[in-house]
Amino acid sequence: AGDAELMPAGIEQAASAGSILIGRFALLQADHVAT
C-alpha cells in the first residue's frame, strides 16, 4: 500500500539513515531532499 506508514523498526532505520547522512556525509537537515 502506498499509504503504509513506518513500523517502529522503520522509524529507527530512518533515524539511523539520518545520522549517516548528517554525520558521515555532512549534509544539513535544512537541505531539500527528494522522495
PDB file of all heavy atoms in Angstrom:
ATOM      1  N   ALA A   1       0.827  -1.210   0.000  1.00  0.00           N
ATOM      2  CA  ALA A   1       0.000   0.000   0.000  1.00  0.00           C
ATOM      3  C   ALA A   1       0.862   1.262   0.000  1.00  0.00           C
ATOM      4  O   ALA A   1       1.834   1.364   0.740  1.00  0.00           O
ATOM      5  CB  ALA A   1      -0.920  -0.004   1.221  1.00  0.00           C
ATOM      6  N   GLY A   2       0.502   2.217  -0.846  1.00  0.00           N
ATOM      7  CA  GLY A   2       1.238   3.472  -0.955  1.00  0.00           C
ATOM      8  C   GLY A   2       1.140   4.345   0.282  1.00  0.00           C
ATOM      9  O   GLY A   2       2.008   5.168   0.541  1.00  0.00           O
ATOM     10  N   ASP A   3       0.079   4.143   1.073  1.00  0.00           N
ATOM     11  CA  ASP A   3      -0.110   4.979   2.256  1.00  0.00           C
ATOM     12  C   ASP A   3       0.350   4.295   3.550  1.00  0.00           C
ATOM     13  O   ASP A   3       0.070   4.776   4.644  1.00  0.00           O
ATOM     14  CB  ASP A   3      -1.564   5.412   2.377  1.00  0.00           C
ATOM     15  CG  ASP A   3      -2.529   4.251   2.548  1.00  0.00           C
ATOM     16  OD1 ASP A   3      -2.107   3.069   2.406  1.00  0.00           O
ATOM     17  OD2 ASP A   3      -3.720   4.493   2.815  1.00  0.00           O
ATOM     18  N   ALA A   4       1.080   3.188   3.416  1.00  0.00           N
ATOM     19  CA  ALA A   4       1.547   2.459   4.605  1.00  0.00           C
ATOM     20  C   ALA A   4       2.599   3.276   5.354  1.00  0.00           C
ATOM     21  O   ALA A   4       3.521   3.813   4.752  1.00  0.00           O
ATOM     22  CB  ALA A   4       2.128   1.114   4.196  1.00  0.00           C
ATOM     23  N   GLU A   5       2.439   3.349   6.663  1.00  0.00           N
ATOM     24  CA  GLU A   5       3.386   4.089   7.495  1.00  0.00           C
ATOM     25  C   GLU A   5       4.499   3.176   7.993  1.00  0.00           C
ATOM     26  O   GLU A   5       4.379   1.952   7.962  1.00  0.00           O
ATOM     27  CB  GLU A   5       2.648   4.718   8.670  1.00  0.00           C
ATOM     28  CG  GLU A   5       1.676   5.792   8.216  1.00  0.00           C
ATOM     29  CD  GLU A   5       1.106   6.586   9.363  1.00  0.00           C
ATOM     30  OE1 GLU A   5       1.545   6.413  10.515  1.00  0.00           O
ATOM     31  OE2 GLU A   5       0.210   7.395   9.099  1.00  0.00           O
ATOM     32  N   LEU A   6       5.566   3.800   8.465  1.00  0.00           N
ATOM     33  CA  LEU A   6       6.686   3.050   9.004  1.00  0.00           C
ATOM     34  C   LEU A   6       6.279   2.311  10.277  1.00  0.00           C
ATOM     35  O   LEU A   6       5.486   2.811  11.071  1.00  0.00           O
ATOM     36  CB  LEU A   6       7.855   3.977   9.335  1.00  0.00           C
ATOM     37  CG  LEU A   6       8.507   4.706   8.167  1.00  0.00           C
ATOM     38  CD1 LEU A   6       9.641   5.597   8.681  1.00  0.00           C
ATOM     39  CD2 LEU A   6       9.019   3.737   7.120  1.00  0.00           C
ATOM     40  N   MET A   7       6.856   1.139  10.453  1.00  0.00           N
ATOM     41  CA  MET A   7       6.723   0.389  11.695  1.00  0.00           C
ATOM     42  C   MET A   7       7.753   0.962  12.670  1.00  0.00           C
ATOM     43  O   MET A   7       8.643   1.711  12.257  1.00  0.00           O
ATOM     44  CB  MET A   7       6.972  -1.090  11.413  1.00  0.00           C
ATOM     45  CG  MET A   7       5.959  -1.686  10.444  1.00  0.00           C
ATOM     46  SD  MET A   7       6.382  -3.346   9.843  1.00  0.00           S
ATOM     47  CE  MET A   7       6.355  -4.279  11.357  1.00  0.00           C
ATOM     48  N   PRO A   8       7.671   0.640  13.963  1.00  0.00           N
ATOM     49  CA  PRO A   8       8.672   1.160  14.912  1.00  0.00           C
ATOM     50  C   PRO A   8      10.119   0.879  14.469  1.00  0.00           C
ATOM     51  O   PRO A   8      10.981   1.753  14.581  1.00  0.00           O
ATOM     52  CB  PRO A   8       8.323   0.455  16.224  1.00  0.00           C
ATOM     53  CG  PRO A   8       6.840   0.252  16.125  1.00  0.00           C
ATOM     54  CD  PRO A   8       6.599  -0.089  14.668  1.00  0.00           C
ATOM     55  N   ALA A   9      10.388  -0.306  13.930  1.00  0.00           N
ATOM     56  CA  ALA A   9      11.742  -0.612  13.440  1.00  0.00           C
ATOM     57  C   ALA A   9      12.107   0.301  12.271  1.00  0.00           C
ATOM     58  O   ALA A   9      13.259   0.707  12.119  1.00  0.00           O
ATOM     59  CB  ALA A   9      11.840  -2.076  13.015  1.00  0.00           C
ATOM     60  N   GLY A  10      11.128   0.648  11.432  1.00  0.00           N
ATOM     61  CA  GLY A  10      11.365   1.542  10.303  1.00  0.00           C
ATOM     62  C   GLY A  10      11.717   2.952  10.744  1.00  0.00           C
ATOM     63  O   GLY A  10      12.524   3.633  10.108  1.00  0.00           O
ATOM     64  N   ILE A  11      11.114   3.389  11.839  1.00  0.00           N
ATOM     65  CA  ILE A  11      11.439   4.710  12.397  1.00  0.00           C
ATOM     66  C   ILE A  11      12.888   4.722  12.874  1.00  0.00           C
ATOM     67  O   ILE A  11      13.628   5.681  12.628  1.00  0.00           O
ATOM     68  CB  ILE A  11      10.444   5.079  13.518  1.00  0.00           C
ATOM     69  CG1 ILE A  11       9.050   5.306  12.909  1.00  0.00           C
ATOM     70  CG2 ILE A  11      10.920   6.308  14.286  1.00  0.00           C
ATOM     71  CD1 ILE A  11       7.934   5.443  13.916  1.00  0.00           C
ATOM     72  N   GLU A  12      13.309   3.636  13.512  1.00  0.00           N
ATOM     73  CA  GLU A  12      14.708   3.525  13.956  1.00  0.00           C
ATOM     74  C   GLU A  12      15.659   3.504  12.757  1.00  0.00           C
ATOM     75  O   GLU A  12      16.718   4.140  12.780  1.00  0.00           O
ATOM     76  CB  GLU A  12      14.897   2.264  14.798  1.00  0.00           C
ATOM     77  CG  GLU A  12      14.224   2.321  16.147  1.00  0.00           C
ATOM     78  CD  GLU A  12      14.323   1.015  16.917  1.00  0.00           C
ATOM     79  OE1 GLU A  12      15.209   0.178  16.606  1.00  0.00           O
ATOM     80  OE2 GLU A  12      13.508   0.826  17.838  1.00  0.00           O
ATOM     81  N   GLN A  13      15.296   2.779  11.704  1.00  0.00           N
ATOM     82  CA  GLN A  13      16.132   2.719  10.496  1.00  0.00           C
ATOM     83  C   GLN A  13      16.248   4.100   9.852  1.00  0.00           C
ATOM     84  O   GLN A  13      17.317   4.484   9.382  1.00  0.00           O
ATOM     85  CB  GLN A  13      15.541   1.706   9.503  1.00  0.00           C
ATOM     86  CG  GLN A  13      15.625   0.283   9.995  1.00  0.00           C
ATOM     87  CD  GLN A  13      14.633  -0.650   9.315  1.00  0.00           C
ATOM     88  OE1 GLN A  13      13.650  -0.215   8.719  1.00  0.00           O
ATOM     89  NE2 GLN A  13      14.896  -1.951   9.436  1.00  0.00           N
ATOM     90  N   ALA A  14      15.159   4.838   9.839  1.00  0.00           N
ATOM     91  CA  ALA A  14      15.171   6.183   9.265  1.00  0.00           C
ATOM     92  C   ALA A  14      16.075   7.108  10.072  1.00  0.00           C
ATOM     93  O   ALA A  14      16.857   7.882   9.491  1.00  0.00           O
ATOM     94  CB  ALA A  14      13.748   6.742   9.218  1.00  0.00           C
ATOM     95  N   ALA A  15      15.988   7.031  11.386  1.00  0.00           N
ATOM     96  CA  ALA A  15      16.841   7.865  12.237  1.00  0.00           C
ATOM     97  C   ALA A  15      18.314   7.522  12.009  1.00  0.00           C
ATOM     98  O   ALA A  15      19.172   8.417  11.955  1.00  0.00           O
ATOM     99  CB  ALA A  15      16.464   7.676  13.707  1.00  0.00           C
ATOM    100  N   SER A  16      18.611   6.242  11.851  1.00  0.00           N
ATOM    101  CA  SER A  16      19.986   5.809  11.581  1.00  0.00           C
ATOM    102  C   SER A  16      20.470   6.353  10.236  1.00  0.00           C
ATOM    103  O   SER A  16      21.606   6.825  10.120  1.00  0.00           O
ATOM    104  CB  SER A  16      20.053   4.280  11.591  1.00  0.00           C
ATOM    105  OG  SER A  16      21.349   3.844  11.281  1.00  0.00           O
ATOM    106  N   ALA A  17      19.608   6.312   9.226  1.00  0.00           N
ATOM    107  CA  ALA A  17      19.974   6.867   7.908  1.00  0.00           C
ATOM    108  C   ALA A  17      20.257   8.357   8.032  1.00  0.00           C
ATOM    109  O   ALA A  17      21.208   8.875   7.437  1.00  0.00           O
ATOM    110  CB  ALA A  17      18.857   6.618   6.897  1.00  0.00           C
ATOM    111  N   GLY A  18      19.457   9.051   8.823  1.00  0.00           N
ATOM    112  CA  GLY A  18      19.684  10.481   9.045  1.00  0.00           C
ATOM    113  C   GLY A  18      21.032  10.737   9.702  1.00  0.00           C
ATOM    114  O   GLY A  18      21.751  11.669   9.317  1.00  0.00           O
ATOM    115  N   SER A  19      21.392   9.906  10.670  1.00  0.00           N
ATOM    116  CA  SER A  19      22.699  10.049  11.328  1.00  0.00           C
ATOM    117  C   SER A  19      23.838   9.862  10.333  1.00  0.00           C
ATOM    118  O   SER A  19      24.845  10.574  10.394  1.00  0.00           O
ATOM    119  CB  SER A  19      22.836   9.032  12.460  1.00  0.00           C
ATOM    120  OG  SER A  19      21.913   9.322  13.475  1.00  0.00           O
ATOM    121  N   ILE A  20      23.679   8.925   9.419  1.00  0.00           N
ATOM    122  CA  ILE A  20      24.707   8.686   8.393  1.00  0.00           C
ATOM    123  C   ILE A  20      24.797   9.883   7.455  1.00  0.00           C
ATOM    124  O   ILE A  20      25.887  10.376   7.164  1.00  0.00           O
ATOM    125  CB  ILE A  20      24.402   7.395   7.617  1.00  0.00           C
ATOM    126  CG1 ILE A  20      24.599   6.185   8.531  1.00  0.00           C
ATOM    127  CG2 ILE A  20      25.270   7.284   6.368  1.00  0.00           C
ATOM    128  CD1 ILE A  20      24.065   4.880   7.972  1.00  0.00           C
ATOM    129  N   LEU A  21      23.658  10.354   6.979  1.00  0.00           N
ATOM    130  CA  LEU A  21      23.649  11.477   6.038  1.00  0.00           C
ATOM    131  C   LEU A  21      24.236  12.736   6.670  1.00  0.00           C
ATOM    132  O   LEU A  21      25.000  13.457   6.038  1.00  0.00           O
ATOM    133  CB  LEU A  21      22.229  11.749   5.545  1.00  0.00           C
ATOM    134  CG  LEU A  21      21.633  10.680   4.633  1.00  0.00           C
ATOM    135  CD1 LEU A  21      20.137  10.885   4.475  1.00  0.00           C
ATOM    136  CD2 LEU A  21      22.319  10.688   3.271  1.00  0.00           C
ATOM    137  N   ILE A  22      23.888  12.974   7.908  1.00  0.00           N
ATOM    138  CA  ILE A  22      24.332  14.190   8.589  1.00  0.00           C
ATOM    139  C   ILE A  22      25.751  14.030   9.129  1.00  0.00           C
ATOM    140  O   ILE A  22      26.588  14.919   8.974  1.00  0.00           O
ATOM    141  CB  ILE A  22      23.331  14.565   9.700  1.00  0.00           C
ATOM    142  CG1 ILE A  22      21.993  14.944   9.049  1.00  0.00           C
ATOM    143  CG2 ILE A  22      23.866  15.697  10.562  1.00  0.00           C
ATOM    144  CD1 ILE A  22      20.816  14.906   9.984  1.00  0.00           C
ATOM    145  N   GLY A  23      26.032  12.880   9.735  1.00  0.00           N
ATOM    146  CA  GLY A  23      27.336  12.652  10.345  1.00  0.00           C
ATOM    147  C   GLY A  23      28.440  12.340   9.356  1.00  0.00           C
ATOM    148  O   GLY A  23      29.446  13.036   9.278  1.00  0.00           O
ATOM    149  N   ARG A  24      28.252  11.306   8.554  1.00  0.00           N
ATOM    150  CA  ARG A  24      29.299  10.859   7.633  1.00  0.00           C
ATOM    151  C   ARG A  24      29.417  11.745   6.393  1.00  0.00           C
ATOM    152  O   ARG A  24      30.505  12.020   5.920  1.00  0.00           O
ATOM    153  CB  ARG A  24      29.049   9.413   7.205  1.00  0.00           C
ATOM    154  CG  ARG A  24      30.197   8.871   6.348  1.00  0.00           C
ATOM    155  CD  ARG A  24      29.976   7.470   5.824  1.00  0.00           C
ATOM    156  NE  ARG A  24      29.484   6.554   6.841  1.00  0.00           N
ATOM    157  CZ  ARG A  24      28.889   5.403   6.554  1.00  0.00           C
ATOM    158  NH1 ARG A  24      28.716   5.029   5.302  1.00  0.00           N
ATOM    159  NH2 ARG A  24      28.450   4.614   7.513  1.00  0.00           N
ATOM    160  N   PHE A  25      28.284  12.171   5.857  1.00  0.00           N
ATOM    161  CA  PHE A  25      28.313  12.922   4.600  1.00  0.00           C
ATOM    162  C   PHE A  25      28.123  14.418   4.780  1.00  0.00           C
ATOM    163  O   PHE A  25      28.068  15.162   3.812  1.00  0.00           O
ATOM    164  CB  PHE A  25      27.272  12.349   3.629  1.00  0.00           C
ATOM    165  CG  PHE A  25      27.515  10.911   3.285  1.00  0.00           C
ATOM    166  CD1 PHE A  25      26.594   9.938   3.621  1.00  0.00           C
ATOM    167  CD2 PHE A  25      28.683  10.519   2.645  1.00  0.00           C
ATOM    168  CE1 PHE A  25      26.811   8.600   3.315  1.00  0.00           C
ATOM    169  CE2 PHE A  25      28.919   9.186   2.326  1.00  0.00           C
ATOM    170  CZ  PHE A  25      27.984   8.224   2.659  1.00  0.00           C
ATOM    171  N   ALA A  26      27.996  14.858   6.017  1.00  0.00           N
ATOM    172  CA  ALA A  26      27.936  16.279   6.375  1.00  0.00           C
ATOM    173  C   ALA A  26      26.813  17.038   5.666  1.00  0.00           C
ATOM    174  O   ALA A  26      26.970  18.197   5.307  1.00  0.00           O
ATOM    175  CB  ALA A  26      29.281  16.951   6.123  1.00  0.00           C
ATOM    176  N   LEU A  27      25.686  16.368   5.470  1.00  0.00           N
ATOM    177  CA  LEU A  27      24.536  17.062   4.902  1.00  0.00           C
ATOM    178  C   LEU A  27      23.797  17.774   6.024  1.00  0.00           C
ATOM    179  O   LEU A  27      23.852  17.368   7.181  1.00  0.00           O
ATOM    180  CB  LEU A  27      23.615  16.060   4.205  1.00  0.00           C
ATOM    181  CG  LEU A  27      24.261  15.337   3.024  1.00  0.00           C
ATOM    182  CD1 LEU A  27      23.348  14.229   2.531  1.00  0.00           C
ATOM    183  CD2 LEU A  27      24.550  16.303   1.902  1.00  0.00           C
ATOM    184  N   LEU A  28      23.099  18.816   5.680  1.00  0.00           N
ATOM    185  CA  LEU A  28      22.359  19.592   6.674  1.00  0.00           C
ATOM    186  C   LEU A  28      20.898  19.193   6.653  1.00  0.00           C
ATOM    187  O   LEU A  28      20.327  18.949   5.596  1.00  0.00           O
ATOM    188  CB  LEU A  28      22.489  21.084   6.369  1.00  0.00           C
ATOM    189  CG  LEU A  28      23.913  21.635   6.313  1.00  0.00           C
ATOM    190  CD1 LEU A  28      23.893  23.093   5.884  1.00  0.00           C
ATOM    191  CD2 LEU A  28      24.590  21.483   7.663  1.00  0.00           C
ATOM    192  N   GLN A  29      20.291  19.165   7.831  1.00  0.00           N
ATOM    193  CA  GLN A  29      18.876  18.822   7.897  1.00  0.00           C
ATOM    194  C   GLN A  29      18.014  19.840   7.165  1.00  0.00           C
ATOM    195  O   GLN A  29      16.897  19.536   6.777  1.00  0.00           O
ATOM    196  CB  GLN A  29      18.436  18.676   9.351  1.00  0.00           C
ATOM    197  CG  GLN A  29      19.015  17.439   9.991  1.00  0.00           C
ATOM    198  CD  GLN A  29      18.662  17.342  11.458  1.00  0.00           C
ATOM    199  OE1 GLN A  29      18.704  18.326  12.173  1.00  0.00           O
ATOM    200  NE2 GLN A  29      18.332  16.145  11.902  1.00  0.00           N
ATOM    201  N   ALA A  30      18.533  21.020   6.954  1.00  0.00           N
ATOM    202  CA  ALA A  30      17.788  22.047   6.225  1.00  0.00           C
ATOM    203  C   ALA A  30      17.840  21.821   4.717  1.00  0.00           C
ATOM    204  O   ALA A  30      17.120  22.460   3.962  1.00  0.00           O
ATOM    205  CB  ALA A  30      18.337  23.433   6.556  1.00  0.00           C
ATOM    206  N   ASP A  31      18.701  20.910   4.269  1.00  0.00           N
ATOM    207  CA  ASP A  31      18.803  20.631   2.839  1.00  0.00           C
ATOM    208  C   ASP A  31      17.475  20.108   2.307  1.00  0.00           C
ATOM    209  O   ASP A  31      16.740  19.400   2.981  1.00  0.00           O
ATOM    210  CB  ASP A  31      19.894  19.591   2.558  1.00  0.00           C
ATOM    211  CG  ASP A  31      21.290  20.151   2.715  1.00  0.00           C
ATOM    212  OD1 ASP A  31      21.434  21.381   2.806  1.00  0.00           O
ATOM    213  OD2 ASP A  31      22.244  19.351   2.738  1.00  0.00           O
ATOM    214  N   HIS A  32      17.193  20.458   1.069  1.00  0.00           N
ATOM    215  CA  HIS A  32      15.995  19.995   0.381  1.00  0.00           C
ATOM    216  C   HIS A  32      16.292  18.612  -0.189  1.00  0.00           C
ATOM    217  O   HIS A  32      17.334  18.411  -0.795  1.00  0.00           O
ATOM    218  CB  HIS A  32      15.652  20.991  -0.738  1.00  0.00           C
ATOM    219  CG  HIS A  32      14.251  20.885  -1.198  1.00  0.00           C
ATOM    220  ND1 HIS A  32      13.230  21.598  -0.615  1.00  0.00           N
ATOM    221  CD2 HIS A  32      13.686  20.148  -2.170  1.00  0.00           C
ATOM    222  CE1 HIS A  32      12.100  21.313  -1.227  1.00  0.00           C
ATOM    223  NE2 HIS A  32      12.352  20.413  -2.176  1.00  0.00           N
ATOM    224  N   VAL A  33      15.394  17.644   0.018  1.00  0.00           N
ATOM    225  CA  VAL A  33      15.600  16.285  -0.463  1.00  0.00           C
ATOM    226  C   VAL A  33      14.444  15.873  -1.368  1.00  0.00           C
ATOM    227  O   VAL A  33      13.397  16.523  -1.400  1.00  0.00           O
ATOM    228  CB  VAL A  33      15.757  15.286   0.712  1.00  0.00           C
ATOM    229  CG1 VAL A  33      16.967  15.644   1.567  1.00  0.00           C
ATOM    230  CG2 VAL A  33      14.497  15.207   1.559  1.00  0.00           C
ATOM    231  N   ALA A  34      14.654  14.765  -2.095  1.00  0.00           N
ATOM    232  CA  ALA A  34      13.631  14.201  -2.974  1.00  0.00           C
ATOM    233  C   ALA A  34      13.063  12.944  -2.329  1.00  0.00           C
ATOM    234  O   ALA A  34      13.790  12.191  -1.680  1.00  0.00           O
ATOM    235  CB  ALA A  34      14.249  13.852  -4.330  1.00  0.00           C
ATOM    236  N   THR A  35      11.756  12.720  -2.502  1.00  0.00           N
ATOM    237  CA  THR A  35      11.135  11.489  -2.030  1.00  0.00           C
ATOM    238  C   THR A  35      10.217  10.937  -3.111  1.00  0.00           C
ATOM    239  O   THR A  35       9.819  11.651  -4.030  1.00  0.00           O
ATOM    240  CB  THR A  35      10.277  11.691  -0.754  1.00  0.00           C
ATOM    241  OG1 THR A  35       9.084  12.408  -1.100  1.00  0.00           O
ATOM    242  CG2 THR A  35      11.041  12.414   0.334  1.00  0.00           C
TER     243      THR A  35
END
